[in-house]
Amino acid sequence: MHDRYTSGEMARVWSDEAKLARWREVELAVLGARVEAGEISTDILTAAEVIPAPSPREVAEVEADVRHDVVAFIYAWTANMDDAAAREVHRDLTSSDIVDTAQALALTAASDLILSATRRLLLALTGLAIAHRSTIYLARTHGQAAAPDVFGHRLADFAFAVDRARRRFRSAVEEIGVANISGPVGTGVGIGAEVPEFVAARLGLRTAAVSTQVVFRDGIAAWLCALAVMAGACEAIATEVRLGQQEAILEIFEPAGERQQGSSAMPHKQNPIASENVCGLARVVRGYVSPVLEDVALWQHRDISHSSVERIVLPDAAAVTERLLITTSRIVEGLVVDADAMRKNLLLAGSKAVSSRMLSTLLISGIDRRTATAQVAARVAAERSPNGSSELDGAIAEVLESSSLAKVFDDVLNLAERTRQLRE
């Protein structure tokens, strides 16, 4: 995990100390389940509970000898534990039971941070969309003048894209919240039938429908794919800002500090560095998709090829996605919108901005499409100093009075209210 792109809260979720604490929590949950099932005495659970999780240094020292991290954890944790309790720790379990279940806890905690950042972005987008529901500007397709629109319409599109990404991600989070307590090759031999259910309930997880020692990795793959889609939505927003801040357009600008410098050589520059940062981080998240998809097909009941991938990819993907969501939120919250420049650019487009409207008028009048298309193209080509027209004024009025757009903004208000309720 890179300090530059990792929040303090996210770093704590994935720290070695937190990992070892989760492993201890899972082991204690299993002991608690066995107490409930009448397999062991309460004294054994109490003797284990009073021993804190070992430090990463202590585990590392043992691991240097045994070359197995979970075994090293067990040895380090039980070193000063009552012998009867030490014998019960990890009995009939495998390392996958502990690692998979604890990882589900980590993924759930990391996902909560990501969802919180997503709600912030949604509120920023919906608020800005409503604020600019009447801000007229030139919509562009293929980088060229297309037709009049309102800027809030574009922002609404982003808001609903982020909301869909949020809902997909929440669904993926539900899938990965699984406690895997099934023992060697997943048969559950030596583990009472009540134990997995008790452990899952105690940890706030659900039991796996089936396990062959490891949890099938399709859920983790879906979780990371959902992150990649969410990152893509942020990249789309950042790309819009980068394009709007270009020299030839100059309509929208990401927020910048008073003393911010855009270039070490050209002092006049105000580069969209935050937006470019979001686009770069989105590429990183997408780059993690392939490794987790390849982790789905493990050898038979289990192998360890996924372990190295997940140690790197899952913390990094979570941290980077949270960072780009926070950065995108800051961009939207502080976005500078030059409504005057937007109207000026629309007027300069002249007939280009209403060619579709002119074509429709000619078709209604009875002119065939080929002839009408040629006439409109000729008029646009002949226009020397576009500065608006009655057709453009009419098109602007139609956009501002559009019932379709009115519904869009009603839906945006509903989305904003739902998002506020989720936050509360």
Protein backbone atom coordinates (compact mmCIF):
# COMPACT_ATOMS: atom_id res chain seq x y z
CA MET A 1 0.00 0.00 0.00
CA HIS A 2 1.34 3.41 -1.01
CA ASP A 3 1.19 6.03 1.74
CA ARG A 4 0.41 8.77 -0.79
CA TYR A 5 -2.84 7.10 -1.81
CA THR A 6 -3.92 5.43 1.44
CA SER A 7 -6.06 7.06 4.11
CA GLY A 8 -5.24 6.53 7.77
CA GLU A 9 -8.46 4.58 8.33
CA MET A 10 -7.85 2.30 5.35
CA ALA A 11 -4.25 1.72 6.43
CA ARG A 12 -5.45 0.63 9.85
CA VAL A 13 -7.89 -1.87 8.32
CA TRP A 14 -5.07 -3.60 6.44
CA SER A 15 -2.29 -3.25 8.99
CA ASP A 16 -0.47 -6.35 10.24
CA GLU A 17 -1.70 -5.59 13.76
CA ALA A 18 -5.32 -5.53 12.58
CA LYS A 19 -4.85 -8.75 10.61
CA LEU A 20 -3.49 -10.62 13.63
CA ALA A 21 -6.28 -9.21 15.81
CA ARG A 22 -8.84 -10.54 13.31
CA TRP A 23 -7.18 -13.97 13.27
CA ARG A 24 -7.44 -14.04 17.06
CA GLU A 25 -11.07 -12.92 16.84
CA VAL A 26 -11.91 -15.81 14.52
CA GLU A 27 -10.13 -18.35 16.71
CA LEU A 28 -11.97 -17.05 19.77
CA ALA A 29 -15.29 -17.22 17.92
CA VAL A 30 -14.64 -20.89 17.18
CA LEU A 31 -13.80 -21.57 20.83
CA GLY A 32 -16.95 -19.73 21.86
CA ALA A 33 -18.99 -21.88 19.49
CA ARG A 34 -17.53 -25.01 21.00
CA VAL A 35 -18.44 -23.77 24.46
CA GLU A 36 -22.01 -23.24 23.27
CA ALA A 37 -22.03 -26.74 21.78
CA GLY A 38 -20.83 -28.22 25.08
CA GLU A 39 -17.55 -29.48 23.59
CA ILE A 40 -15.21 -27.49 25.83
CA SER A 41 -15.45 -25.64 29.13
CA THR A 42 -15.83 -21.91 29.59
CA ASP A 43 -12.48 -21.90 31.40
CA ILE A 44 -10.72 -22.77 28.14
CA LEU A 45 -12.31 -19.84 26.34
CA THR A 46 -11.48 -17.50 29.22
CA ALA A 47 -7.85 -18.67 29.25
CA ALA A 48 -7.57 -17.85 25.55
CA GLU A 49 -9.37 -14.52 25.79
CA VAL A 50 -6.91 -13.09 28.30
CA ILE A 51 -4.00 -13.55 25.88
CA PRO A 52 -3.74 -10.64 23.44
CA ALA A 53 -2.83 -11.08 19.81
CA PRO A 54 0.92 -11.38 19.26
CA SER A 55 2.77 -8.50 17.63
CA PRO A 56 3.81 -8.66 13.98
CA ARG A 57 7.43 -8.85 15.16
CA GLU A 58 6.74 -11.86 17.34
CA VAL A 59 4.96 -13.67 14.51
CA ALA A 60 7.70 -12.79 12.04
CA GLU A 61 10.34 -14.28 14.31
CA VAL A 62 8.49 -17.60 14.45
CA GLU A 63 7.62 -17.52 10.75
CA ALA A 64 11.30 -17.22 9.86
CA ASP A 65 11.63 -20.73 11.28
CA VAL A 66 8.33 -22.45 10.36
CA ARG A 67 7.76 -20.67 7.01
CA HIS A 68 3.97 -20.55 7.56
CA ASP A 69 2.27 -17.37 8.73
CA VAL A 70 -0.79 -18.91 10.39
CA VAL A 71 1.26 -21.59 12.15
CA ALA A 72 3.60 -18.84 13.34
CA PHE A 73 0.63 -16.87 14.64
CA ILE A 74 -0.72 -19.88 16.54
CA TYR A 75 2.66 -20.65 18.11
CA ALA A 76 3.24 -17.02 19.06
CA TRP A 77 -0.27 -16.52 20.45
CA THR A 78 -0.40 -19.71 22.50
CA ALA A 79 3.17 -19.49 23.79
CA ASN A 80 2.03 -18.14 27.18
CA MET A 81 -1.45 -19.66 27.13
CA ASP A 82 -2.79 -22.33 29.48
CA ASP A 83 -1.88 -25.74 28.03
CA ALA A 84 -5.48 -26.97 27.90
CA ALA A 85 -6.56 -23.86 26.03
CA ALA A 86 -3.55 -23.96 23.71
CA ARG A 87 -4.43 -27.49 22.65
CA GLU A 88 -7.96 -26.39 21.69
CA VAL A 89 -6.85 -23.39 19.65
CA HIS A 90 -7.14 -24.18 15.93
CA ARG A 91 -8.18 -27.81 16.55
CA ASP A 92 -9.72 -29.37 13.41
CA LEU A 93 -9.27 -26.10 11.50
CA THR A 94 -7.06 -25.15 8.57
CA SER A 95 -5.30 -21.89 7.84
CA SER A 96 -7.92 -21.13 5.18
CA ASP A 97 -10.66 -21.14 7.81
CA ILE A 98 -8.86 -18.37 9.65
CA VAL A 99 -7.49 -16.42 6.70
CA ASP A 100 -10.65 -16.49 4.56
CA THR A 101 -12.94 -15.58 7.45
CA ALA A 102 -10.68 -12.82 8.73
CA GLN A 103 -10.24 -11.50 5.20
CA ALA A 104 -14.01 -11.26 4.86
CA LEU A 105 -13.98 -9.02 7.93
CA ALA A 106 -11.24 -6.86 6.42
CA LEU A 107 -13.02 -6.58 3.08
CA THR A 108 -16.24 -5.62 4.82
CA ALA A 109 -14.52 -2.91 6.87
CA ALA A 110 -12.70 -1.55 3.82
CA SER A 111 -15.95 -1.60 1.84
CA ASP A 112 -17.67 0.52 4.50
CA LEU A 113 -15.03 3.22 3.95
CA ILE A 114 -15.47 3.01 0.19
CA LEU A 115 -19.26 3.23 0.44
CA SER A 116 -18.96 6.27 2.70
CA ALA A 117 -16.77 7.97 0.09
CA THR A 118 -19.27 7.01 -2.61
CA ARG A 119 -22.15 8.62 -0.71
CA ARG A 120 -20.12 11.81 -0.42
CA LEU A 121 -19.56 11.86 -4.17
CA LEU A 122 -23.24 11.21 -4.88
CA LEU A 123 -24.30 14.12 -2.69
CA ALA A 124 -21.79 16.40 -4.39
CA LEU A 125 -22.95 15.38 -7.87
CA THR A 126 -26.67 15.65 -7.16
CA GLY A 127 -26.23 19.03 -5.49
CA LEU A 128 -24.23 20.42 -8.40
CA ALA A 129 -26.65 18.95 -10.95
CA ILE A 130 -29.60 20.72 -9.34
CA ALA A 131 -27.60 23.96 -9.05
CA HIS A 132 -26.96 23.89 -12.82
CA ARG A 133 -30.31 22.63 -14.06
CA SER A 134 -30.72 25.91 -15.99
CA THR A 135 -27.09 26.57 -16.92
CA ILE A 136 -27.21 26.42 -20.69
CA TYR A 137 -24.15 25.17 -22.54
CA LEU A 138 -22.99 23.52 -25.75
CA ALA A 139 -23.16 19.75 -25.62
CA ARG A 140 -20.49 18.06 -27.71
CA THR A 141 -20.31 14.67 -29.37
CA HIS A 142 -17.07 13.32 -30.85
CA GLY A 143 -15.45 16.51 -29.54
CA GLN A 144 -17.57 18.68 -31.83
CA ALA A 145 -20.50 21.04 -31.37
CA ALA A 146 -23.74 19.07 -31.18
CA ALA A 147 -26.73 20.80 -29.56
CA PRO A 148 -27.75 23.04 -26.66
CA ASP A 149 -28.10 21.37 -23.28
CA VAL A 150 -27.97 22.27 -19.61
CA PHE A 151 -24.86 21.44 -17.63
CA GLY A 152 -26.88 19.86 -14.85
CA HIS A 153 -28.01 17.19 -17.32
CA ARG A 154 -24.43 16.00 -17.79
CA LEU A 155 -23.88 16.00 -14.03
CA ALA A 156 -27.08 14.01 -13.53
CA ASP A 157 -25.76 11.34 -15.89
CA PHE A 158 -22.63 11.05 -13.75
CA ALA A 159 -24.69 10.91 -10.54
CA PHE A 160 -26.78 7.98 -11.70
CA ALA A 161 -23.69 6.18 -13.03
CA VAL A 162 -22.07 6.46 -9.60
CA ASP A 163 -25.29 5.31 -7.94
CA ARG A 164 -25.44 2.23 -10.16
CA ALA A 165 -21.78 1.52 -9.36
CA ARG A 166 -22.57 1.89 -5.66
CA ARG A 167 -25.44 -0.59 -5.86
CA ARG A 168 -23.33 -3.12 -7.77
CA PHE A 169 -20.59 -2.76 -5.20
CA ARG A 170 -22.97 -3.21 -2.27
CA SER A 171 -24.20 -6.43 -3.85
CA ALA A 172 -20.61 -7.63 -4.23
CA VAL A 173 -19.89 -6.76 -0.59
CA GLU A 174 -22.76 -8.97 0.51
CA GLU A 175 -21.23 -11.86 -1.44
CA ILE A 176 -17.79 -11.62 0.17
CA GLY A 177 -19.07 -11.41 3.76
CA VAL A 178 -18.59 -15.15 4.31
CA ALA A 179 -17.27 -17.09 7.32
CA ASN A 180 -15.44 -20.22 6.20
CA ILE A 181 -15.22 -22.73 9.05
CA SER A 182 -15.09 -26.12 7.33
CA GLY A 183 -11.75 -27.78 8.17
CA PRO A 184 -9.44 -29.81 5.91
CA VAL A 185 -10.87 -30.07 2.35
CA GLY A 186 -14.10 -28.54 3.63
CA THR A 187 -15.75 -31.70 4.98
CA GLY A 188 -16.28 -30.24 8.45
CA VAL A 189 -15.01 -33.39 10.11
CA GLY A 190 -14.35 -32.65 13.78
CA ILE A 191 -16.34 -29.42 13.61
CA GLY A 192 -19.85 -29.55 15.03
CA ALA A 193 -22.70 -28.53 12.75
CA GLU A 194 -23.54 -25.56 14.98
CA VAL A 195 -20.02 -24.12 15.02
CA PRO A 196 -19.95 -22.44 11.58
CA GLU A 197 -23.36 -20.79 12.16
CA PHE A 198 -22.33 -19.53 15.59
CA VAL A 199 -19.05 -18.14 14.31
CA ALA A 200 -20.73 -16.39 11.39
CA ALA A 201 -23.36 -14.82 13.64
CA ARG A 202 -20.78 -13.65 16.17
CA LEU A 203 -18.66 -12.04 13.47
CA GLY A 204 -21.56 -10.49 11.56
CA LEU A 205 -20.97 -12.71 8.52
CA ARG A 206 -22.89 -15.53 6.87
CA THR A 207 -21.79 -19.11 6.32
CA ALA A 208 -20.54 -20.30 2.96
CA ALA A 209 -23.05 -22.47 1.09
CA VAL A 210 -20.21 -24.88 0.39
CA SER A 211 -16.46 -24.82 0.86
CA THR A 212 -13.76 -27.19 -0.32
CA GLN A 213 -11.29 -25.77 2.22
CA VAL A 214 -11.16 -22.33 0.60
CA VAL A 215 -14.02 -20.00 -0.26
CA PHE A 216 -14.54 -19.99 -4.03
CA ARG A 217 -12.94 -16.82 -5.37
CA ASP A 218 -15.76 -15.64 -7.65
CA GLY A 219 -17.04 -13.33 -4.93
CA ILE A 220 -13.69 -11.58 -4.54
CA ALA A 221 -13.42 -11.28 -8.31
CA ALA A 222 -16.88 -9.68 -8.48
CA TRP A 223 -15.94 -7.32 -5.63
CA LEU A 224 -12.87 -6.06 -7.45
CA CYS A 225 -14.67 -5.83 -10.79
CA ALA A 226 -17.28 -3.65 -9.06
CA LEU A 227 -14.46 -1.43 -7.78
CA ALA A 228 -13.09 -1.14 -11.32
CA VAL A 229 -16.49 -0.01 -12.64
CA MET A 230 -16.75 2.53 -9.83
CA ALA A 231 -13.27 3.80 -10.68
CA GLY A 232 -14.35 4.08 -14.31
CA ALA A 233 -17.28 6.31 -13.34
CA CYS A 234 -14.89 8.59 -11.44
CA GLU A 235 -12.57 8.62 -14.44
CA ALA A 236 -15.46 9.74 -16.66
CA ILE A 237 -16.11 12.69 -14.34
CA ALA A 238 -12.43 13.60 -14.22
CA THR A 239 -12.14 13.35 -18.00
CA GLU A 240 -15.06 15.78 -18.39
CA VAL A 241 -13.19 18.27 -16.20
CA ARG A 242 -9.95 17.79 -18.12
CA LEU A 243 -11.74 18.46 -21.41
CA GLY A 244 -13.63 21.44 -20.04
CA GLN A 245 -10.43 22.99 -18.75
CA GLN A 246 -8.73 22.85 -22.16
CA GLU A 247 -7.50 26.11 -23.66
CA ALA A 248 -10.10 26.09 -26.44
CA ILE A 249 -13.06 25.53 -24.09
CA LEU A 250 -12.31 26.97 -20.60
CA GLU A 251 -15.77 26.29 -19.17
CA ILE A 252 -15.10 24.26 -16.02
CA PHE A 253 -12.08 24.12 -13.74
CA GLU A 254 -11.13 21.87 -10.87
CA PRO A 255 -10.44 23.74 -7.60
CA ALA A 256 -6.91 24.97 -7.12
CA GLY A 257 -5.04 26.41 -4.15
CA GLU A 258 -3.98 30.04 -4.19
CA ARG A 259 -0.30 29.11 -4.29
CA GLN A 260 -0.69 26.01 -6.47
CA GLN A 261 1.79 25.79 -9.33
CA GLY A 262 1.02 23.93 -12.54
CA SER A 263 4.48 23.67 -14.02
CA SER A 264 8.09 23.98 -12.92
CA ALA A 265 8.95 25.71 -16.22
CA MET A 266 5.76 27.56 -17.29
CA PRO A 267 4.37 29.56 -14.37
CA HIS A 268 1.15 30.54 -16.17
CA LYS A 269 -0.18 26.99 -16.28
CA GLN A 270 -3.06 25.71 -14.15
CA ASN A 271 -3.04 22.00 -14.83
CA PRO A 272 -5.98 19.71 -13.89
CA ILE A 273 -3.69 17.65 -11.69
CA ALA A 274 -6.41 16.18 -9.46
CA SER A 275 -8.46 15.03 -12.44
CA GLU A 276 -5.40 13.54 -14.07
CA ASN A 277 -4.60 11.78 -10.81
CA VAL A 278 -8.07 10.20 -10.78
CA CYS A 279 -7.64 8.96 -14.35
CA GLY A 280 -4.28 7.40 -13.48
CA LEU A 281 -5.56 5.70 -10.34
CA ALA A 282 -8.53 4.28 -12.27
CA ARG A 283 -6.04 2.53 -14.57
CA VAL A 284 -4.38 0.98 -11.53
CA VAL A 285 -7.67 -0.41 -10.22
CA ARG A 286 -8.56 -1.87 -13.61
CA GLY A 287 -5.12 -3.47 -13.73
CA TYR A 288 -6.00 -5.54 -10.65
CA VAL A 289 -9.02 -7.17 -12.30
CA SER A 290 -7.13 -9.77 -14.32
CA PRO A 291 -5.16 -11.27 -11.39
CA VAL A 292 -8.27 -11.84 -9.26
CA LEU A 293 -10.15 -13.34 -12.19
CA GLU A 294 -7.28 -15.77 -12.64
CA ASP A 295 -7.51 -16.66 -8.92
CA VAL A 296 -10.97 -18.16 -9.44
CA ALA A 297 -9.57 -21.41 -10.89
CA LEU A 298 -7.49 -22.91 -8.09
CA TRP A 299 -6.10 -26.44 -8.16
CA GLN A 300 -8.63 -28.97 -6.90
CA HIS A 301 -9.61 -28.38 -3.27
CA ARG A 302 -7.05 -25.62 -2.79
CA ASP A 303 -3.66 -24.21 -3.62
CA ILE A 304 -1.90 -21.07 -2.49
CA SER A 305 -1.43 -19.26 -5.80
CA HIS A 306 -4.16 -16.76 -4.89
CA SER A 307 -2.58 -15.79 -1.60
CA SER A 308 0.24 -13.62 -2.93
CA VAL A 309 -2.15 -11.90 -5.33
CA GLU A 310 -4.68 -11.06 -2.63
CA ARG A 311 -2.06 -9.79 -0.17
CA ILE A 312 -1.14 -7.11 -2.72
CA VAL A 313 -4.26 -6.51 -4.76
CA LEU A 314 -7.07 -6.36 -2.19
CA PRO A 315 -5.55 -3.74 0.15
CA ASP A 316 -4.23 -1.69 -2.77
CA ALA A 317 -7.48 -1.76 -4.76
CA ALA A 318 -9.49 -0.75 -1.69
CA ALA A 319 -7.10 2.08 -0.79
CA VAL A 320 -6.77 3.42 -4.33
CA THR A 321 -10.52 3.33 -4.95
CA GLU A 322 -11.25 5.18 -1.73
CA ARG A 323 -8.62 7.76 -2.67
CA LEU A 324 -9.98 8.40 -6.16
CA LEU A 325 -13.53 8.66 -4.79
CA ILE A 326 -12.41 11.24 -2.23
CA THR A 327 -10.43 13.16 -4.85
CA THR A 328 -13.35 13.11 -7.30
CA SER A 329 -15.65 14.38 -4.53
CA ARG A 330 -13.29 17.28 -3.84
CA ILE A 331 -13.20 18.13 -7.53
CA VAL A 332 -17.00 18.17 -7.80
CA GLU A 333 -17.49 20.03 -4.50
CA GLY A 334 -15.08 22.78 -5.57
CA LEU A 335 -15.76 22.77 -9.32
CA VAL A 336 -15.58 26.24 -10.88
CA VAL A 337 -18.27 26.58 -13.56
CA ASP A 338 -18.01 29.56 -15.93
CA ALA A 339 -21.61 29.91 -17.12
CA ASP A 340 -20.73 32.99 -19.19
CA ALA A 341 -18.06 31.06 -21.10
CA MET A 342 -20.55 28.24 -21.66
CA ARG A 343 -23.12 30.58 -23.21
CA LYS A 344 -20.44 32.33 -25.26
CA ASN A 345 -19.22 29.04 -26.71
CA LEU A 346 -22.80 28.05 -27.52
CA LEU A 347 -23.41 31.30 -29.36
CA LEU A 348 -20.14 30.96 -31.26
CA ALA A 349 -21.23 27.55 -32.47
CA GLY A 350 -24.18 29.23 -34.19
CA SER A 351 -25.90 27.01 -36.74
CA LYS A 352 -23.73 24.04 -35.78
CA ALA A 353 -25.64 23.85 -32.52
CA VAL A 354 -29.02 23.70 -34.23
CA SER A 355 -28.32 21.66 -37.36
CA SER A 356 -30.46 18.81 -36.05
CA ARG A 357 -33.33 21.21 -35.36
CA MET A 358 -33.03 22.75 -38.84
CA LEU A 359 -33.00 19.31 -40.44
CA SER A 360 -36.18 18.36 -38.58
CA THR A 361 -37.91 21.58 -39.71
CA LEU A 362 -37.07 20.87 -43.37
CA LEU A 363 -38.24 17.26 -43.14
CA ILE A 364 -41.56 18.36 -41.62
CA SER A 365 -41.98 20.85 -44.47
CA GLY A 366 -41.86 17.99 -46.99
CA ILE A 367 -38.29 18.13 -48.25
CA ASP A 368 -36.65 14.73 -48.70
CA ARG A 369 -33.86 13.79 -46.27
CA ARG A 370 -31.01 13.86 -48.79
CA THR A 371 -31.89 17.36 -50.00
CA ALA A 372 -32.60 18.65 -46.50
CA THR A 373 -29.29 17.30 -45.20
CA ALA A 374 -27.40 19.00 -48.04
CA GLN A 375 -29.14 22.33 -47.44
CA VAL A 376 -28.36 22.33 -43.71
CA ALA A 377 -24.74 21.37 -44.30
CA ALA A 378 -24.37 24.15 -46.85
CA ARG A 379 -25.82 26.74 -44.49
CA VAL A 380 -23.52 25.72 -41.65
CA ALA A 381 -20.50 25.78 -43.98
CA ALA A 382 -21.40 29.24 -45.27
CA GLU A 383 -21.76 30.80 -41.84
CA ARG A 384 -18.81 33.12 -41.35
CA SER A 385 -19.40 34.87 -38.01
CA PRO A 386 -21.79 32.81 -35.94
CA ASN A 387 -23.29 34.82 -33.10
CA GLY A 388 -26.61 33.18 -32.49
CA SER A 389 -29.84 33.06 -34.44
CA SER A 390 -33.56 32.76 -33.97
CA GLU A 391 -33.21 28.99 -34.42
CA LEU A 392 -30.61 28.91 -31.63
CA ASP A 393 -32.78 31.05 -29.34
CA GLY A 394 -35.67 28.69 -29.95
CA ALA A 395 -33.52 25.62 -29.28
CA ILE A 396 -32.30 27.09 -26.00
CA ALA A 397 -35.87 27.83 -24.92
CA GLU A 398 -36.92 24.27 -25.78
CA VAL A 399 -34.13 22.80 -23.67
CA LEU A 400 -34.97 24.96 -20.68
CA GLU A 401 -38.64 23.99 -20.96
CA SER A 402 -38.06 20.28 -21.70
CA SER A 403 -40.38 18.00 -19.76
CA SER A 404 -37.88 15.16 -20.19
CA LEU A 405 -35.18 17.17 -18.45
CA ALA A 406 -37.64 18.21 -15.75
CA LYS A 407 -38.17 14.52 -14.96
CA VAL A 408 -34.40 13.99 -14.89
CA PHE A 409 -34.02 16.61 -12.19
CA ASP A 410 -36.97 15.25 -10.23
CA ASP A 411 -35.15 11.92 -10.24
CA VAL A 412 -31.93 13.65 -9.17
CA LEU A 413 -33.71 15.15 -6.17
CA ASN A 414 -35.03 11.70 -5.24
CA LEU A 415 -31.54 10.23 -5.57
CA ALA A 416 -30.12 12.97 -3.35
CA GLU A 417 -32.72 12.29 -0.68
CA ARG A 418 -32.08 8.53 -0.76
CA THR A 419 -28.35 9.17 -0.46
CA ARG A 420 -28.80 11.48 2.53
CA GLN A 421 -30.90 8.82 4.25
CA LEU A 422 -28.19 6.23 3.62
CA ARG A 423 -25.62 8.52 5.22
CA GLU A 424 -27.77 9.07 8.27
